[in-house]
Amino acid sequence: YLQMNSLKPEDTAVYYCAADRTTSPT
């Protein structure tokens, strides 16, 4: 999830989700 508060006009965009394979839990 991405909770977005206090939105501004400059936040206007297409938002993409992405996944990164990693062996590190942090």
mmCIF file of all heavy atoms, coordinates in Angstrom:
data_MODEL
# 
_entry.id   MODEL 
# 
loop_
_atom_site.group_PDB 
_atom_site.id 
_atom_site.type_symbol 
_atom_site.label_atom_id 
_atom_site.label_alt_id 
_atom_site.label_comp_id 
_atom_site.label_asym_id 
_atom_site.label_entity_id 
_atom_site.label_seq_id 
_atom_site.pdbx_PDB_ins_code 
_atom_site.Cartn_x 
_atom_site.Cartn_y 
_atom_site.Cartn_z 
_atom_site.occupancy 
_atom_site.B_iso_or_equiv 
_atom_site.pdbx_formal_charge 
_atom_site.auth_seq_id 
_atom_site.auth_comp_id 
_atom_site.auth_asym_id 
_atom_site.auth_atom_id 
_atom_site.pdbx_PDB_model_num 
ATOM 1   N N   . TYR A 1 1  ? 0.825  -1.196  0.000   1.00 0.00 ? 1  TYR A N   1 
ATOM 2   C CA  . TYR A 1 1  ? 0.000  0.000   0.000   1.00 0.00 ? 1  TYR A CA  1 
ATOM 3   C C   . TYR A 1 1  ? 0.872  1.264   0.000   1.00 0.00 ? 1  TYR A C   1 
ATOM 4   O O   . TYR A 1 1  ? 2.016  1.252   0.453   1.00 0.00 ? 1  TYR A O   1 
ATOM 5   C CB  . TYR A 1 1  ? -0.887 0.019   1.240   1.00 0.00 ? 1  TYR A CB  1 
ATOM 6   C CG  . TYR A 1 1  ? -1.726 -1.211  1.414   1.00 0.00 ? 1  TYR A CG  1 
ATOM 7   C CD1 . TYR A 1 1  ? -1.322 -2.250  2.248   1.00 0.00 ? 1  TYR A CD1 1 
ATOM 8   C CD2 . TYR A 1 1  ? -2.934 -1.346  0.735   1.00 0.00 ? 1  TYR A CD2 1 
ATOM 9   C CE1 . TYR A 1 1  ? -2.085 -3.393  2.407   1.00 0.00 ? 1  TYR A CE1 1 
ATOM 10  C CE2 . TYR A 1 1  ? -3.711 -2.491  0.890   1.00 0.00 ? 1  TYR A CE2 1 
ATOM 11  C CZ  . TYR A 1 1  ? -3.278 -3.506  1.718   1.00 0.00 ? 1  TYR A CZ  1 
ATOM 12  O OH  . TYR A 1 1  ? -4.045 -4.633  1.871   1.00 0.00 ? 1  TYR A OH  1 
ATOM 13  N N   . LEU A 1 2  ? 0.276  2.334   -0.494  1.00 0.00 ? 2  LEU A N   1 
ATOM 14  C CA  . LEU A 1 2  ? 0.893  3.643   -0.376  1.00 0.00 ? 2  LEU A CA  1 
ATOM 15  C C   . LEU A 1 2  ? -0.195 4.619   0.067   1.00 0.00 ? 2  LEU A C   1 
ATOM 16  O O   . LEU A 1 2  ? -1.097 4.937   -0.714  1.00 0.00 ? 2  LEU A O   1 
ATOM 17  C CB  . LEU A 1 2  ? 1.515  4.108   -1.692  1.00 0.00 ? 2  LEU A CB  1 
ATOM 18  C CG  . LEU A 1 2  ? 2.280  5.439   -1.606  1.00 0.00 ? 2  LEU A CG  1 
ATOM 19  C CD1 . LEU A 1 2  ? 3.548  5.271   -0.763  1.00 0.00 ? 2  LEU A CD1 1 
ATOM 20  C CD2 . LEU A 1 2  ? 2.634  5.953   -3.001  1.00 0.00 ? 2  LEU A CD2 1 
ATOM 21  N N   . GLN A 1 3  ? -0.132 5.014   1.319   1.00 0.00 ? 3  GLN A N   1 
ATOM 22  C CA  . GLN A 1 3  ? -1.069 6.007   1.843   1.00 0.00 ? 3  GLN A CA  1 
ATOM 23  C C   . GLN A 1 3  ? -0.505 7.379   1.532   1.00 0.00 ? 3  GLN A C   1 
ATOM 24  O O   . GLN A 1 3  ? 0.614  7.697   1.950   1.00 0.00 ? 3  GLN A O   1 
ATOM 25  C CB  . GLN A 1 3  ? -1.250 5.834   3.350   1.00 0.00 ? 3  GLN A CB  1 
ATOM 26  C CG  . GLN A 1 3  ? -2.173 6.852   3.983   1.00 0.00 ? 3  GLN A CG  1 
ATOM 27  C CD  . GLN A 1 3  ? -3.607 6.720   3.521   1.00 0.00 ? 3  GLN A CD  1 
ATOM 28  O OE1 . GLN A 1 3  ? -4.146 5.621   3.441   1.00 0.00 ? 3  GLN A OE1 1 
ATOM 29  N NE2 . GLN A 1 3  ? -4.236 7.845   3.195   1.00 0.00 ? 3  GLN A NE2 1 
ATOM 30  N N   . MET A 1 4  ? -1.282 8.182   0.825   1.00 0.00 ? 4  MET A N   1 
ATOM 31  C CA  . MET A 1 4  ? -0.830 9.509   0.406   1.00 0.00 ? 4  MET A CA  1 
ATOM 32  C C   . MET A 1 4  ? -1.738 10.570  1.018   1.00 0.00 ? 4  MET A C   1 
ATOM 33  O O   . MET A 1 4  ? -2.934 10.604  0.713   1.00 0.00 ? 4  MET A O   1 
ATOM 34  C CB  . MET A 1 4  ? -0.841 9.607   -1.122  1.00 0.00 ? 4  MET A CB  1 
ATOM 35  C CG  . MET A 1 4  ? -0.056 8.499   -1.810  1.00 0.00 ? 4  MET A CG  1 
ATOM 36  S SD  . MET A 1 4  ? 0.100  8.750   -3.594  1.00 0.00 ? 4  MET A SD  1 
ATOM 37  C CE  . MET A 1 4  ? -1.606 8.626   -4.086  1.00 0.00 ? 4  MET A CE  1 
ATOM 38  N N   . ASN A 1 5  ? -1.177 11.378  1.871   1.00 0.00 ? 5  ASN A N   1 
ATOM 39  C CA  . ASN A 1 5  ? -1.903 12.460  2.527   1.00 0.00 ? 5  ASN A CA  1 
ATOM 40  C C   . ASN A 1 5  ? -1.340 13.812  2.104   1.00 0.00 ? 5  ASN A C   1 
ATOM 41  O O   . ASN A 1 5  ? -0.235 13.893  1.572   1.00 0.00 ? 5  ASN A O   1 
ATOM 42  C CB  . ASN A 1 5  ? -1.803 12.313  4.046   1.00 0.00 ? 5  ASN A CB  1 
ATOM 43  C CG  . ASN A 1 5  ? -2.399 11.022  4.559   1.00 0.00 ? 5  ASN A CG  1 
ATOM 44  O OD1 . ASN A 1 5  ? -3.364 10.497  4.011   1.00 0.00 ? 5  ASN A OD1 1 
ATOM 45  N ND2 . ASN A 1 5  ? -1.818 10.484  5.625   1.00 0.00 ? 5  ASN A ND2 1 
ATOM 46  N N   . SER A 1 6  ? -2.109 14.849  2.365   1.00 0.00 ? 6  SER A N   1 
ATOM 47  C CA  . SER A 1 6  ? -1.662 16.223  2.048   1.00 0.00 ? 6  SER A CA  1 
ATOM 48  C C   . SER A 1 6  ? -1.137 16.316  0.620   1.00 0.00 ? 6  SER A C   1 
ATOM 49  O O   . SER A 1 6  ? -0.062 16.864  0.368   1.00 0.00 ? 6  SER A O   1 
ATOM 50  C CB  . SER A 1 6  ? -0.579 16.661  3.037   1.00 0.00 ? 6  SER A CB  1 
ATOM 51  O OG  . SER A 1 6  ? -1.046 16.594  4.370   1.00 0.00 ? 6  SER A OG  1 
ATOM 52  N N   . LEU A 1 7  ? -1.900 15.787  -0.300  1.00 0.00 ? 7  LEU A N   1 
ATOM 53  C CA  . LEU A 1 7  ? -1.462 15.739  -1.694  1.00 0.00 ? 7  LEU A CA  1 
ATOM 54  C C   . LEU A 1 7  ? -1.314 17.138  -2.284  1.00 0.00 ? 7  LEU A C   1 
ATOM 55  O O   . LEU A 1 7  ? -2.075 18.059  -1.953  1.00 0.00 ? 7  LEU A O   1 
ATOM 56  C CB  . LEU A 1 7  ? -2.429 14.911  -2.520  1.00 0.00 ? 7  LEU A CB  1 
ATOM 57  C CG  . LEU A 1 7  ? -2.241 13.389  -2.337  1.00 0.00 ? 7  LEU A CG  1 
ATOM 58  C CD1 . LEU A 1 7  ? -3.497 12.636  -2.745  1.00 0.00 ? 7  LEU A CD1 1 
ATOM 59  C CD2 . LEU A 1 7  ? -1.047 12.895  -3.135  1.00 0.00 ? 7  LEU A CD2 1 
ATOM 60  N N   . LYS A 1 8  ? -0.342 17.250  -3.170  1.00 0.00 ? 8  LYS A N   1 
ATOM 61  C CA  . LYS A 1 8  ? -0.038 18.509  -3.833  1.00 0.00 ? 8  LYS A CA  1 
ATOM 62  C C   . LYS A 1 8  ? -0.157 18.326  -5.346  1.00 0.00 ? 8  LYS A C   1 
ATOM 63  O O   . LYS A 1 8  ? 0.002  17.201  -5.843  1.00 0.00 ? 8  LYS A O   1 
ATOM 64  C CB  . LYS A 1 8  ? 1.397  18.944  -3.505  1.00 0.00 ? 8  LYS A CB  1 
ATOM 65  C CG  . LYS A 1 8  ? 1.705  19.072  -2.026  1.00 0.00 ? 8  LYS A CG  1 
ATOM 66  C CD  . LYS A 1 8  ? 3.170  19.381  -1.811  1.00 0.00 ? 8  LYS A CD  1 
ATOM 67  C CE  . LYS A 1 8  ? 3.507  19.486  -0.332  1.00 0.00 ? 8  LYS A CE  1 
ATOM 68  N NZ  . LYS A 1 8  ? 4.959  19.787  -0.107  1.00 0.00 ? 8  LYS A NZ  1 
ATOM 69  N N   . PRO A 1 9  ? -0.397 19.385  -6.090  1.00 0.00 ? 9  PRO A N   1 
ATOM 70  C CA  . PRO A 1 9  ? -0.466 19.256  -7.554  1.00 0.00 ? 9  PRO A CA  1 
ATOM 71  C C   . PRO A 1 9  ? 0.791  18.615  -8.150  1.00 0.00 ? 9  PRO A C   1 
ATOM 72  O O   . PRO A 1 9  ? 0.698  17.877  -9.139  1.00 0.00 ? 9  PRO A O   1 
ATOM 73  C CB  . PRO A 1 9  ? -0.645 20.698  -8.017  1.00 0.00 ? 9  PRO A CB  1 
ATOM 74  C CG  . PRO A 1 9  ? -1.370 21.354  -6.884  1.00 0.00 ? 9  PRO A CG  1 
ATOM 75  C CD  . PRO A 1 9  ? -0.797 20.727  -5.650  1.00 0.00 ? 9  PRO A CD  1 
ATOM 76  N N   . GLU A 1 10 ? 1.940  18.855  -7.549  1.00 0.00 ? 10 GLU A N   1 
ATOM 77  C CA  . GLU A 1 10 ? 3.180  18.276  -8.071  1.00 0.00 ? 10 GLU A CA  1 
ATOM 78  C C   . GLU A 1 10 ? 3.284  16.767  -7.822  1.00 0.00 ? 10 GLU A C   1 
ATOM 79  O O   . GLU A 1 10 ? 4.227  16.130  -8.310  1.00 0.00 ? 10 GLU A O   1 
ATOM 80  C CB  . GLU A 1 10 ? 4.402  18.987  -7.488  1.00 0.00 ? 10 GLU A CB  1 
ATOM 81  C CG  . GLU A 1 10 ? 4.421  19.117  -5.984  1.00 0.00 ? 10 GLU A CG  1 
ATOM 82  C CD  . GLU A 1 10 ? 3.911  20.471  -5.509  1.00 0.00 ? 10 GLU A CD  1 
ATOM 83  O OE1 . GLU A 1 10 ? 2.874  20.943  -6.042  1.00 0.00 ? 10 GLU A OE1 1 
ATOM 84  O OE2 . GLU A 1 10 ? 4.530  21.033  -4.586  1.00 0.00 ? 10 GLU A OE2 1 
ATOM 85  N N   . ASP A 1 11 ? 2.340  16.205  -7.089  1.00 0.00 ? 11 ASP A N   1 
ATOM 86  C CA  . ASP A 1 11 ? 2.294  14.746  -6.927  1.00 0.00 ? 11 ASP A CA  1 
ATOM 87  C C   . ASP A 1 11 ? 1.588  14.068  -8.101  1.00 0.00 ? 11 ASP A C   1 
ATOM 88  O O   . ASP A 1 11 ? 1.550  12.840  -8.169  1.00 0.00 ? 11 ASP A O   1 
ATOM 89  C CB  . ASP A 1 11 ? 1.560  14.374  -5.628  1.00 0.00 ? 11 ASP A CB  1 
ATOM 90  C CG  . ASP A 1 11 ? 2.303  14.829  -4.391  1.00 0.00 ? 11 ASP A CG  1 
ATOM 91  O OD1 . ASP A 1 11 ? 3.539  14.704  -4.349  1.00 0.00 ? 11 ASP A OD1 1 
ATOM 92  O OD2 . ASP A 1 11 ? 1.629  15.292  -3.444  1.00 0.00 ? 11 ASP A OD2 1 
ATOM 93  N N   . THR A 1 12 ? 1.032  14.855  -9.002  1.00 0.00 ? 12 THR A N   1 
ATOM 94  C CA  . THR A 1 12 ? 0.336  14.300  -10.158 1.00 0.00 ? 12 THR A CA  1 
ATOM 95  C C   . THR A 1 12 ? 1.303  13.495  -11.019 1.00 0.00 ? 12 THR A C   1 
ATOM 96  O O   . THR A 1 12 ? 2.356  13.983  -11.419 1.00 0.00 ? 12 THR A O   1 
ATOM 97  C CB  . THR A 1 12 ? -0.289 15.426  -11.000 1.00 0.00 ? 12 THR A CB  1 
ATOM 98  O OG1 . THR A 1 12 ? -1.310 16.062  -10.228 1.00 0.00 ? 12 THR A OG1 1 
ATOM 99  C CG2 . THR A 1 12 ? -0.884 14.881  -12.289 1.00 0.00 ? 12 THR A CG2 1 
ATOM 100 N N   . ALA A 1 13 ? 0.943  12.234  -11.271 1.00 0.00 ? 13 ALA A N   1 
ATOM 101 C CA  . ALA A 1 13 ? 1.811  11.334  -12.033 1.00 0.00 ? 13 ALA A CA  1 
ATOM 102 C C   . ALA A 1 13 ? 1.113  9.986   -12.167 1.00 0.00 ? 13 ALA A C   1 
ATOM 103 O O   . ALA A 1 13 ? 0.084  9.741   -11.528 1.00 0.00 ? 13 ALA A O   1 
ATOM 104 C CB  . ALA A 1 13 ? 3.147  11.139  -11.319 1.00 0.00 ? 13 ALA A CB  1 
ATOM 105 N N   . VAL A 1 14 ? 1.697  9.131   -12.984 1.00 0.00 ? 14 VAL A N   1 
ATOM 106 C CA  . VAL A 1 14 ? 1.326  7.721   -12.977 1.00 0.00 ? 14 VAL A CA  1 
ATOM 107 C C   . VAL A 1 14 ? 2.203  7.038   -11.922 1.00 0.00 ? 14 VAL A C   1 
ATOM 108 O O   . VAL A 1 14 ? 3.427  7.202   -11.939 1.00 0.00 ? 14 VAL A O   1 
ATOM 109 C CB  . VAL A 1 14 ? 1.538  7.075   -14.351 1.00 0.00 ? 14 VAL A CB  1 
ATOM 110 C CG1 . VAL A 1 14 ? 1.207  5.576   -14.287 1.00 0.00 ? 14 VAL A CG1 1 
ATOM 111 C CG2 . VAL A 1 14 ? 0.678  7.757   -15.409 1.00 0.00 ? 14 VAL A CG2 1 
ATOM 112 N N   . TYR A 1 15 ? 1.562  6.307   -11.033 1.00 0.00 ? 15 TYR A N   1 
ATOM 113 C CA  . TYR A 1 15 ? 2.268  5.643   -9.940  1.00 0.00 ? 15 TYR A CA  1 
ATOM 114 C C   . TYR A 1 15 ? 2.397  4.151   -10.259 1.00 0.00 ? 15 TYR A C   1 
ATOM 115 O O   . TYR A 1 15 ? 1.406  3.491   -10.605 1.00 0.00 ? 15 TYR A O   1 
ATOM 116 C CB  . TYR A 1 15 ? 1.523  5.847   -8.627  1.00 0.00 ? 15 TYR A CB  1 
ATOM 117 C CG  . TYR A 1 15 ? 1.753  7.223   -8.047  1.00 0.00 ? 15 TYR A CG  1 
ATOM 118 C CD1 . TYR A 1 15 ? 1.208  8.351   -8.652  1.00 0.00 ? 15 TYR A CD1 1 
ATOM 119 C CD2 . TYR A 1 15 ? 2.544  7.407   -6.912  1.00 0.00 ? 15 TYR A CD2 1 
ATOM 120 C CE1 . TYR A 1 15 ? 1.433  9.621   -8.143  1.00 0.00 ? 15 TYR A CE1 1 
ATOM 121 C CE2 . TYR A 1 15 ? 2.773  8.672   -6.389  1.00 0.00 ? 15 TYR A CE2 1 
ATOM 122 C CZ  . TYR A 1 15 ? 2.221  9.771   -7.014  1.00 0.00 ? 15 TYR A CZ  1 
ATOM 123 O OH  . TYR A 1 15 ? 2.458  11.033  -6.512  1.00 0.00 ? 15 TYR A OH  1 
ATOM 124 N N   . TYR A 1 16 ? 3.626  3.662   -10.111 1.00 0.00 ? 16 TYR A N   1 
ATOM 125 C CA  . TYR A 1 16 ? 3.939  2.275   -10.419 1.00 0.00 ? 16 TYR A CA  1 
ATOM 126 C C   . TYR A 1 16 ? 4.412  1.534   -9.181  1.00 0.00 ? 16 TYR A C   1 
ATOM 127 O O   . TYR A 1 16 ? 5.187  2.069   -8.381  1.00 0.00 ? 16 TYR A O   1 
ATOM 128 C CB  . TYR A 1 16 ? 5.050  2.201   -11.467 1.00 0.00 ? 16 TYR A CB  1 
ATOM 129 C CG  . TYR A 1 16 ? 4.711  2.809   -12.802 1.00 0.00 ? 16 TYR A CG  1 
ATOM 130 C CD1 . TYR A 1 16 ? 4.980  4.141   -13.072 1.00 0.00 ? 16 TYR A CD1 1 
ATOM 131 C CD2 . TYR A 1 16 ? 4.112  2.034   -13.794 1.00 0.00 ? 16 TYR A CD2 1 
ATOM 132 C CE1 . TYR A 1 16 ? 4.656  4.698   -14.297 1.00 0.00 ? 16 TYR A CE1 1 
ATOM 133 C CE2 . TYR A 1 16 ? 3.800  2.582   -15.024 1.00 0.00 ? 16 TYR A CE2 1 
ATOM 134 C CZ  . TYR A 1 16 ? 4.076  3.915   -15.269 1.00 0.00 ? 16 TYR A CZ  1 
ATOM 135 O OH  . TYR A 1 16 ? 3.760  4.460   -16.491 1.00 0.00 ? 16 TYR A OH  1 
ATOM 136 N N   . CYS A 1 17 ? 3.982  0.302   -9.090  1.00 0.00 ? 17 CYS A N   1 
ATOM 137 C CA  . CYS A 1 17 ? 4.442  -0.612  -8.056  1.00 0.00 ? 17 CYS A CA  1 
ATOM 138 C C   . CYS A 1 17 ? 5.520  -1.512  -8.677  1.00 0.00 ? 17 CYS A C   1 
ATOM 139 O O   . CYS A 1 17 ? 5.424  -1.864  -9.857  1.00 0.00 ? 17 CYS A O   1 
ATOM 140 C CB  . CYS A 1 17 ? 3.252  -1.438  -7.585  1.00 0.00 ? 17 CYS A CB  1 
ATOM 141 S SG  . CYS A 1 17 ? 3.630  -2.777  -6.467  1.00 0.00 ? 17 CYS A SG  1 
ATOM 142 N N   . ALA A 1 18 ? 6.528  -1.878  -7.887  1.00 0.00 ? 18 ALA A N   1 
ATOM 143 C CA  . ALA A 1 18 ? 7.596  -2.713  -8.403  1.00 0.00 ? 18 ALA A CA  1 
ATOM 144 C C   . ALA A 1 18 ? 8.078  -3.674  -7.326  1.00 0.00 ? 18 ALA A C   1 
ATOM 145 O O   . ALA A 1 18 ? 7.996  -3.373  -6.130  1.00 0.00 ? 18 ALA A O   1 
ATOM 146 C CB  . ALA A 1 18 ? 8.752  -1.854  -8.889  1.00 0.00 ? 18 ALA A CB  1 
ATOM 147 N N   . ALA A 1 19 ? 8.601  -4.821  -7.784  1.00 0.00 ? 19 ALA A N   1 
ATOM 148 C CA  . ALA A 1 19 ? 9.101  -5.862  -6.875  1.00 0.00 ? 19 ALA A CA  1 
ATOM 149 C C   . ALA A 1 19 ? 10.570 -6.137  -7.164  1.00 0.00 ? 19 ALA A C   1 
ATOM 150 O O   . ALA A 1 19 ? 10.979 -6.245  -8.323  1.00 0.00 ? 19 ALA A O   1 
ATOM 151 C CB  . ALA A 1 19 ? 8.290  -7.141  -7.042  1.00 0.00 ? 19 ALA A CB  1 
ATOM 152 N N   . ASP A 1 20 ? 11.330 -6.273  -6.110  1.00 0.00 ? 20 ASP A N   1 
ATOM 153 C CA  . ASP A 1 20 ? 12.781 -6.451  -6.202  1.00 0.00 ? 20 ASP A CA  1 
ATOM 154 C C   . ASP A 1 20 ? 13.173 -7.735  -5.492  1.00 0.00 ? 20 ASP A C   1 
ATOM 155 O O   . ASP A 1 20 ? 13.029 -7.852  -4.280  1.00 0.00 ? 20 ASP A O   1 
ATOM 156 C CB  . ASP A 1 20 ? 13.465 -5.244  -5.536  1.00 0.00 ? 20 ASP A CB  1 
ATOM 157 C CG  . ASP A 1 20 ? 14.978 -5.382  -5.458  1.00 0.00 ? 20 ASP A CG  1 
ATOM 158 O OD1 . ASP A 1 20 ? 15.535 -6.283  -6.101  1.00 0.00 ? 20 ASP A OD1 1 
ATOM 159 O OD2 . ASP A 1 20 ? 15.601 -4.562  -4.743  1.00 0.00 ? 20 ASP A OD2 1 
ATOM 160 N N   . ARG A 1 21 ? 13.655 -8.727  -6.253  1.00 0.00 ? 21 ARG A N   1 
ATOM 161 C CA  . ARG A 1 21 ? 14.150 -9.968  -5.639  1.00 0.00 ? 21 ARG A CA  1 
ATOM 162 C C   . ARG A 1 21 ? 15.388 -9.631  -4.814  1.00 0.00 ? 21 ARG A C   1 
ATOM 163 O O   . ARG A 1 21 ? 16.327 -9.020  -5.302  1.00 0.00 ? 21 ARG A O   1 
ATOM 164 C CB  . ARG A 1 21 ? 14.520 -10.983 -6.712  1.00 0.00 ? 21 ARG A CB  1 
ATOM 165 C CG  . ARG A 1 21 ? 13.360 -11.680 -7.359  1.00 0.00 ? 21 ARG A CG  1 
ATOM 166 C CD  . ARG A 1 21 ? 13.889 -12.744 -8.299  1.00 0.00 ? 21 ARG A CD  1 
ATOM 167 N NE  . ARG A 1 21 ? 14.755 -12.145 -9.313  1.00 0.00 ? 21 ARG A NE  1 
ATOM 168 C CZ  . ARG A 1 21 ? 14.634 -12.343 -10.598 1.00 0.00 ? 21 ARG A CZ  1 
ATOM 169 N NH1 . ARG A 1 21 ? 13.679 -13.103 -11.058 1.00 0.00 ? 21 ARG A NH1 1 
ATOM 170 N NH2 . ARG A 1 21 ? 15.473 -11.785 -11.440 1.00 0.00 ? 21 ARG A NH2 1 
ATOM 171 N N   . THR A 1 22 ? 15.366 -10.032 -3.570  1.00 0.00 ? 22 THR A N   1 
ATOM 172 C CA  . THR A 1 22 ? 16.531 -9.812  -2.723  1.00 0.00 ? 22 THR A CA  1 
ATOM 173 C C   . THR A 1 22 ? 16.582 -10.897 -1.664  1.00 0.00 ? 22 THR A C   1 
ATOM 174 O O   . THR A 1 22 ? 15.544 -11.378 -1.217  1.00 0.00 ? 22 THR A O   1 
ATOM 175 C CB  . THR A 1 22 ? 16.494 -8.428  -2.064  1.00 0.00 ? 22 THR A CB  1 
ATOM 176 O OG1 . THR A 1 22 ? 17.565 -8.316  -1.124  1.00 0.00 ? 22 THR A OG1 1 
ATOM 177 C CG2 . THR A 1 22 ? 15.181 -8.212  -1.318  1.00 0.00 ? 22 THR A CG2 1 
ATOM 178 N N   . THR A 1 23 ? 17.788 -11.274 -1.287  1.00 0.00 ? 23 THR A N   1 
ATOM 179 C CA  . THR A 1 23 ? 17.932 -12.300 -0.246  1.00 0.00 ? 23 THR A CA  1 
ATOM 180 C C   . THR A 1 23 ? 17.952 -11.676 1.142   1.00 0.00 ? 23 THR A C   1 
ATOM 181 O O   . THR A 1 23 ? 17.930 -12.391 2.133   1.00 0.00 ? 23 THR A O   1 
ATOM 182 C CB  . THR A 1 23 ? 19.224 -13.098 -0.462  1.00 0.00 ? 23 THR A CB  1 
ATOM 183 O OG1 . THR A 1 23 ? 20.341 -12.196 -0.459  1.00 0.00 ? 23 THR A OG1 1 
ATOM 184 C CG2 . THR A 1 23 ? 19.177 -13.869 -1.776  1.00 0.00 ? 23 THR A CG2 1 
ATOM 185 N N   . SER A 1 24 ? 18.011 -10.344 1.204   1.00 0.00 ? 24 SER A N   1 
ATOM 186 C CA  . SER A 1 24 ? 18.094 -9.675  2.499   1.00 0.00 ? 24 SER A CA  1 
ATOM 187 C C   . SER A 1 24 ? 16.723 -9.241  2.977   1.00 0.00 ? 24 SER A C   1 
ATOM 188 O O   . SER A 1 24 ? 16.003 -8.569  2.255   1.00 0.00 ? 24 SER A O   1 
ATOM 189 C CB  . SER A 1 24 ? 19.005 -8.453  2.410   1.00 0.00 ? 24 SER A CB  1 
ATOM 190 O OG  . SER A 1 24 ? 18.885 -7.674  3.574   1.00 0.00 ? 24 SER A OG  1 
ATOM 191 N N   . PRO A 1 25 ? 16.348 -9.573  4.196   1.00 0.00 ? 25 PRO A N   1 
ATOM 192 C CA  . PRO A 1 25 ? 15.028 -9.184  4.705   1.00 0.00 ? 25 PRO A CA  1 
ATOM 193 C C   . PRO A 1 25 ? 14.929 -7.699  5.039   1.00 0.00 ? 25 PRO A C   1 
ATOM 194 O O   . PRO A 1 25 ? 13.828 -7.208  5.294   1.00 0.00 ? 25 PRO A O   1 
ATOM 195 C CB  . PRO A 1 25 ? 14.877 -10.025 5.973   1.00 0.00 ? 25 PRO A CB  1 
ATOM 196 C CG  . PRO A 1 25 ? 16.276 -10.298 6.411   1.00 0.00 ? 25 PRO A CG  1 
ATOM 197 C CD  . PRO A 1 25 ? 17.076 -10.414 5.158   1.00 0.00 ? 25 PRO A CD  1 
ATOM 198 N N   . THR A 1 26 ? 16.067 -6.987  5.017   1.00 0.00 ? 26 THR A N   1 
ATOM 199 C CA  . THR A 1 26 ? 16.033 -5.571  5.385   1.00 0.00 ? 26 THR A CA  1 
ATOM 200 C C   . THR A 1 26 ? 16.430 -4.646  4.231   1.00 0.00 ? 26 THR A C   1 
ATOM 201 O O   . THR A 1 26 ? 16.506 -3.447  4.406   1.00 0.00 ? 26 THR A O   1 
ATOM 202 C CB  . THR A 1 26 ? 16.979 -5.305  6.572   1.00 0.00 ? 26 THR A CB  1 
ATOM 203 O OG1 . THR A 1 26 ? 18.316 -5.691  6.201   1.00 0.00 ? 26 THR A OG1 1 
ATOM 204 C CG2 . THR A 1 26 ? 16.558 -6.109  7.799   1.00 0.00 ? 26 THR A CG2 1 
# 
